[in-house]
Amino acid sequence: MNLILLNPNDLTSDGHVCITDPRRLKHLRDIHRSAPGDLLTVGVQGGAMGKAKIKELTAERAYFQLENLDELPPPPLPVHLALALPRPRMLARTLEHVTALGVKDITLLHTKRVEKSYWQSPELRPDKIHQHLVLGLEQARDTQLPSVTLSKGFRPFLEQQLPGLLSERRGLVAHPGMPNACPRGINEPTLLLVGPEGGFIAWEVEQLMLAGCEGMHLGPRILRVETAVTALLSRLF
């Protein structure tokens, strides 16, 4: 936790901060080994960042005095990530990683090789998704939560969502065997589509190409989804 991420309920009417949830308290005590008088980096969810001084730290609460909130969060990546729904444990890690890297728009997508049972996972509950996004923000010192959309059908995504996503973005499909390598250092609005373990099926790739997307690859190595997504974002932006 490189940032104490505050929600509006943590702010008091007299300009102080009061934290009572066990996770953040445990981190302050056991990881930061914080004590009264320490100055920590804080940020208001959806807002600015700054410093706050601990006035009181007990097993029940942490009480801070805000020193300032005048620092902007880091700029987001100009990308909308459309990711074939990974297996639940991989989903949790991937959400944290892409949030830390600055992705602000995420679509979790059903494709032929996505197990239907994955959509029943507790990891897709709004509170669990929110938890993973918060962990990514705390890691990267960011305050802007990504939006996450669930798209449970590939054809409805293709027909109803994809045209709008491509209207102002360059569409890039990451898939093994594509003729072109992943570009480097682009700075234009982009839709990045990443398939599941085993990749998109041929028909899905064909339909994405017909819709106006470009295919690309990361080289001869076949990577796990969470590794591939991190490598793609790092190389593209």
Protein backbone atom coordinates (compact mmCIF):
# COMPACT_ATOMS: atom_id res chain seq x y z
CA MET A 1 0.00 0.00 0.00
CA ASN A 2 1.89 3.03 -1.31
CA LEU A 3 -1.17 5.24 -0.92
CA ILE A 4 -3.85 5.41 1.77
CA LEU A 5 -6.89 5.56 -0.51
CA LEU A 6 -9.74 7.41 1.16
CA ASN A 7 -13.41 7.19 0.39
CA PRO A 8 -15.75 10.08 1.24
CA ASN A 9 -16.91 8.34 4.43
CA ASP A 10 -13.35 8.57 5.80
CA LEU A 11 -13.41 12.38 5.74
CA THR A 12 -14.74 14.23 8.78
CA SER A 13 -16.52 17.57 8.75
CA ASP A 14 -13.58 19.30 10.45
CA GLY A 15 -11.00 18.34 7.82
CA HIS A 16 -9.62 15.19 9.42
CA VAL A 17 -9.55 11.55 8.31
CA CYS A 18 -10.85 8.61 10.34
CA ILE A 19 -10.19 5.05 9.14
CA THR A 20 -11.86 2.12 10.86
CA ASP A 21 -11.78 -0.82 8.44
CA PRO A 22 -9.59 -3.75 9.56
CA ARG A 23 -7.61 -4.19 6.31
CA ARG A 24 -6.15 -0.69 6.20
CA LEU A 25 -5.60 -0.61 9.97
CA LYS A 26 -3.68 -3.88 9.84
CA HIS A 27 -1.55 -2.58 6.98
CA LEU A 28 -0.76 0.64 8.83
CA ARG A 29 0.26 -1.25 11.97
CA ASP A 30 1.96 -4.37 10.58
CA ILE A 31 3.42 -3.27 7.22
CA HIS A 32 4.00 0.47 7.53
CA ARG A 33 4.63 0.13 11.30
CA SER A 34 3.11 3.58 11.56
CA ALA A 35 2.95 5.66 14.70
CA PRO A 36 1.43 9.00 15.71
CA GLY A 37 3.34 11.82 14.07
CA ASP A 38 4.09 9.91 10.87
CA LEU A 39 3.31 11.70 7.61
CA LEU A 40 1.76 9.42 4.97
CA THR A 41 0.61 9.80 1.38
CA VAL A 42 -3.18 9.82 1.05
CA GLY A 43 -5.59 10.29 -1.83
CA VAL A 44 -9.33 10.76 -2.07
CA GLN A 45 -11.03 8.26 -4.36
CA GLY A 46 -11.75 10.10 -7.60
CA GLY A 47 -9.84 13.18 -6.44
CA ALA A 48 -6.49 14.61 -5.46
CA MET A 49 -3.59 13.25 -3.40
CA GLY A 50 -1.51 14.75 -0.63
CA LYS A 51 -0.17 14.19 2.87
CA ALA A 52 -1.81 13.45 6.20
CA LYS A 53 -0.28 13.16 9.67
CA ILE A 54 -1.32 10.39 12.03
CA LYS A 55 -2.72 11.82 15.26
CA GLU A 56 -3.99 8.57 16.75
CA LEU A 57 -3.58 4.89 15.87
CA THR A 58 -5.36 2.16 17.83
CA ALA A 59 -6.78 -1.27 17.08
CA GLU A 60 -10.13 0.39 16.34
CA ARG A 61 -9.21 3.44 14.29
CA ALA A 62 -6.59 5.63 12.66
CA TYR A 63 -7.12 9.37 12.97
CA PHE A 64 -5.25 11.72 10.61
CA GLN A 65 -4.89 15.44 10.18
CA LEU A 66 -4.86 16.41 6.51
CA GLU A 67 -1.84 18.49 5.61
CA ASN A 68 -2.65 19.05 1.93
CA LEU A 69 -4.49 17.58 -1.04
CA ASP A 70 -2.90 19.34 -3.99
CA GLU A 71 -1.30 16.59 -6.07
CA LEU A 72 -2.96 15.19 -9.18
CA PRO A 73 -3.04 11.42 -9.78
CA PRO A 74 -0.88 10.04 -12.59
CA PRO A 75 -2.34 10.29 -16.11
CA PRO A 76 -4.30 7.27 -17.37
CA LEU A 77 -3.28 5.15 -20.33
CA PRO A 78 -5.20 5.96 -23.52
CA VAL A 79 -6.56 2.42 -23.76
CA HIS A 80 -9.77 0.46 -23.37
CA LEU A 81 -8.88 -3.14 -22.51
CA ALA A 82 -11.25 -5.83 -23.80
CA LEU A 83 -10.11 -8.98 -22.05
CA ALA A 84 -11.53 -12.47 -22.51
CA LEU A 85 -12.61 -13.48 -19.01
CA PRO A 86 -9.67 -15.33 -17.36
CA ARG A 87 -9.95 -18.04 -14.74
CA PRO A 88 -10.96 -16.51 -11.38
CA ARG A 89 -7.58 -16.48 -9.65
CA MET A 90 -5.92 -15.00 -12.70
CA LEU A 91 -8.71 -12.41 -13.01
CA ALA A 92 -7.97 -11.05 -9.54
CA ARG A 93 -4.26 -10.58 -10.27
CA THR A 94 -4.90 -9.17 -13.74
CA LEU A 95 -7.34 -6.54 -12.49
CA GLU A 96 -4.81 -5.39 -9.90
CA HIS A 97 -1.97 -5.28 -12.45
CA VAL A 98 -3.81 -3.37 -15.18
CA THR A 99 -5.23 -0.91 -12.65
CA ALA A 100 -1.72 -0.24 -11.32
CA LEU A 101 -0.54 0.36 -14.90
CA GLY A 102 -3.20 3.01 -15.49
CA VAL A 103 -5.99 1.28 -17.44
CA LYS A 104 -9.31 3.04 -16.76
CA ASP A 105 -11.74 1.18 -19.04
CA ILE A 106 -12.05 -2.60 -18.91
CA THR A 107 -14.49 -4.94 -20.66
CA LEU A 108 -14.50 -8.57 -19.54
CA LEU A 109 -15.59 -10.56 -22.56
CA HIS A 110 -16.96 -14.01 -23.25
CA THR A 111 -15.35 -15.93 -26.09
CA LYS A 112 -15.55 -19.52 -27.32
CA ARG A 113 -12.67 -20.73 -25.15
CA VAL A 114 -13.85 -19.05 -21.95
CA GLU A 115 -15.34 -21.61 -19.55
CA LYS A 116 -18.98 -20.71 -18.87
CA SER A 117 -18.45 -21.54 -15.20
CA TYR A 118 -16.08 -18.57 -14.87
CA TRP A 119 -19.08 -16.23 -15.07
CA GLN A 120 -20.43 -17.75 -11.85
CA SER A 121 -17.29 -16.93 -9.88
CA PRO A 122 -17.58 -14.80 -6.73
CA GLU A 123 -14.65 -12.79 -8.13
CA LEU A 124 -17.16 -11.10 -10.45
CA ARG A 125 -19.25 -9.71 -7.60
CA PRO A 126 -19.10 -5.89 -7.64
CA ASP A 127 -17.53 -5.80 -4.18
CA LYS A 128 -14.77 -8.24 -5.17
CA ILE A 129 -14.00 -6.36 -8.39
CA HIS A 130 -13.90 -3.11 -6.41
CA GLN A 131 -11.48 -4.68 -3.93
CA HIS A 132 -9.01 -5.67 -6.66
CA LEU A 133 -9.23 -2.26 -8.31
CA VAL A 134 -8.53 -0.54 -5.00
CA LEU A 135 -5.46 -2.73 -4.42
CA GLY A 136 -4.15 -1.70 -7.83
CA LEU A 137 -4.70 1.99 -7.08
CA GLU A 138 -2.99 1.72 -3.70
CA GLN A 139 0.01 0.05 -5.30
CA ALA A 140 0.43 2.69 -8.02
CA ARG A 141 -0.51 5.81 -6.02
CA ASP A 142 -3.60 6.56 -8.07
CA THR A 143 -7.13 7.61 -7.10
CA GLN A 144 -9.17 7.13 -10.29
CA LEU A 145 -11.12 3.86 -10.27
CA PRO A 146 -11.44 2.06 -13.60
CA SER A 147 -14.85 1.18 -14.97
CA VAL A 148 -15.46 -2.53 -15.54
CA THR A 149 -18.12 -3.83 -17.94
CA LEU A 150 -19.18 -7.47 -18.22
CA SER A 151 -19.98 -8.65 -21.75
CA LYS A 152 -21.27 -12.21 -21.60
CA GLY A 153 -21.73 -12.77 -25.33
CA PHE A 154 -19.17 -12.36 -28.11
CA ARG A 155 -21.67 -11.74 -30.88
CA PRO A 156 -23.57 -9.00 -28.96
CA PHE A 157 -20.20 -7.41 -28.17
CA LEU A 158 -19.25 -7.58 -31.85
CA GLU A 159 -22.51 -6.08 -33.07
CA GLN A 160 -23.49 -3.65 -30.31
CA GLN A 161 -20.37 -2.51 -28.46
CA LEU A 162 -17.43 -2.87 -30.81
CA PRO A 163 -18.51 -0.26 -33.42
CA GLY A 164 -18.75 2.42 -30.75
CA LEU A 165 -15.44 1.43 -29.18
CA LEU A 166 -13.71 1.62 -32.56
CA SER A 167 -15.28 4.92 -33.60
CA GLU A 168 -12.57 6.92 -31.84
CA ARG A 169 -9.94 4.26 -31.13
CA ARG A 170 -7.40 2.16 -32.99
CA GLY A 171 -8.31 -1.51 -32.53
CA LEU A 172 -5.46 -3.94 -31.82
CA VAL A 173 -5.99 -7.68 -31.43
CA ALA A 174 -3.22 -9.57 -29.64
CA HIS A 175 -3.09 -13.09 -31.04
CA PRO A 176 -0.26 -15.58 -31.72
CA GLY A 177 0.71 -16.01 -35.35
CA MET A 178 -0.31 -12.55 -36.54
CA PRO A 179 2.04 -11.13 -39.21
CA ASN A 180 2.78 -7.83 -37.46
CA ALA A 181 4.63 -7.34 -34.19
CA CYS A 182 3.15 -5.31 -31.35
CA PRO A 183 3.89 -1.62 -31.98
CA ARG A 184 5.85 0.42 -29.47
CA GLY A 185 5.33 3.78 -27.84
CA ILE A 186 1.99 4.75 -29.33
CA ASN A 187 0.01 7.62 -27.82
CA GLU A 188 -3.37 7.40 -29.50
CA PRO A 189 -6.70 6.15 -28.11
CA THR A 190 -6.60 2.38 -28.44
CA LEU A 191 -8.86 -0.61 -28.01
CA LEU A 192 -6.70 -3.57 -26.97
CA LEU A 193 -8.34 -6.99 -27.32
CA VAL A 194 -6.73 -9.96 -25.57
CA GLY A 195 -8.06 -13.50 -25.85
CA PRO A 196 -8.27 -16.29 -23.28
CA GLU A 197 -5.88 -19.12 -22.55
CA GLY A 198 -5.60 -20.80 -25.95
CA GLY A 199 -6.41 -17.56 -27.77
CA PHE A 200 -9.36 -16.46 -29.86
CA ILE A 201 -10.78 -19.00 -32.29
CA ALA A 202 -10.26 -18.31 -36.00
CA TRP A 203 -13.84 -17.03 -36.54
CA GLU A 204 -13.47 -14.51 -33.70
CA VAL A 205 -10.21 -13.19 -35.13
CA GLU A 206 -11.78 -12.95 -38.59
CA GLN A 207 -14.76 -10.97 -37.27
CA LEU A 208 -12.53 -8.58 -35.33
CA MET A 209 -10.43 -7.97 -38.45
CA LEU A 210 -13.54 -7.36 -40.55
CA ALA A 211 -14.70 -4.81 -37.96
CA GLY A 212 -11.53 -2.81 -38.53
CA CYS A 213 -9.08 -4.13 -35.93
CA GLU A 214 -5.41 -4.84 -36.62
CA GLY A 215 -3.73 -8.08 -35.58
CA MET A 216 -0.41 -8.21 -33.76
CA HIS A 217 1.80 -10.62 -31.84
CA LEU A 218 4.32 -10.49 -28.99
CA GLY A 219 6.80 -12.92 -30.48
CA PRO A 220 7.13 -16.70 -30.58
CA ARG A 221 6.60 -17.28 -26.85
CA ILE A 222 3.10 -18.18 -25.63
CA LEU A 223 2.44 -16.27 -22.41
CA ARG A 224 -0.11 -16.55 -19.66
CA VAL A 225 -2.85 -13.95 -19.95
CA GLU A 226 -1.74 -11.89 -16.96
CA THR A 227 1.84 -11.81 -18.28
CA ALA A 228 0.76 -11.02 -21.83
CA VAL A 229 -1.48 -8.13 -20.78
CA THR A 230 1.27 -6.54 -18.69
CA ALA A 231 3.81 -6.98 -21.52
CA LEU A 232 1.42 -5.54 -24.09
CA LEU A 233 0.59 -2.45 -22.07
CA SER A 234 4.24 -1.82 -21.25
CA ARG A 235 5.27 -2.13 -24.88
CA LEU A 236 2.38 -0.20 -26.39
CA PHE A 237 2.48 2.81 -24.07
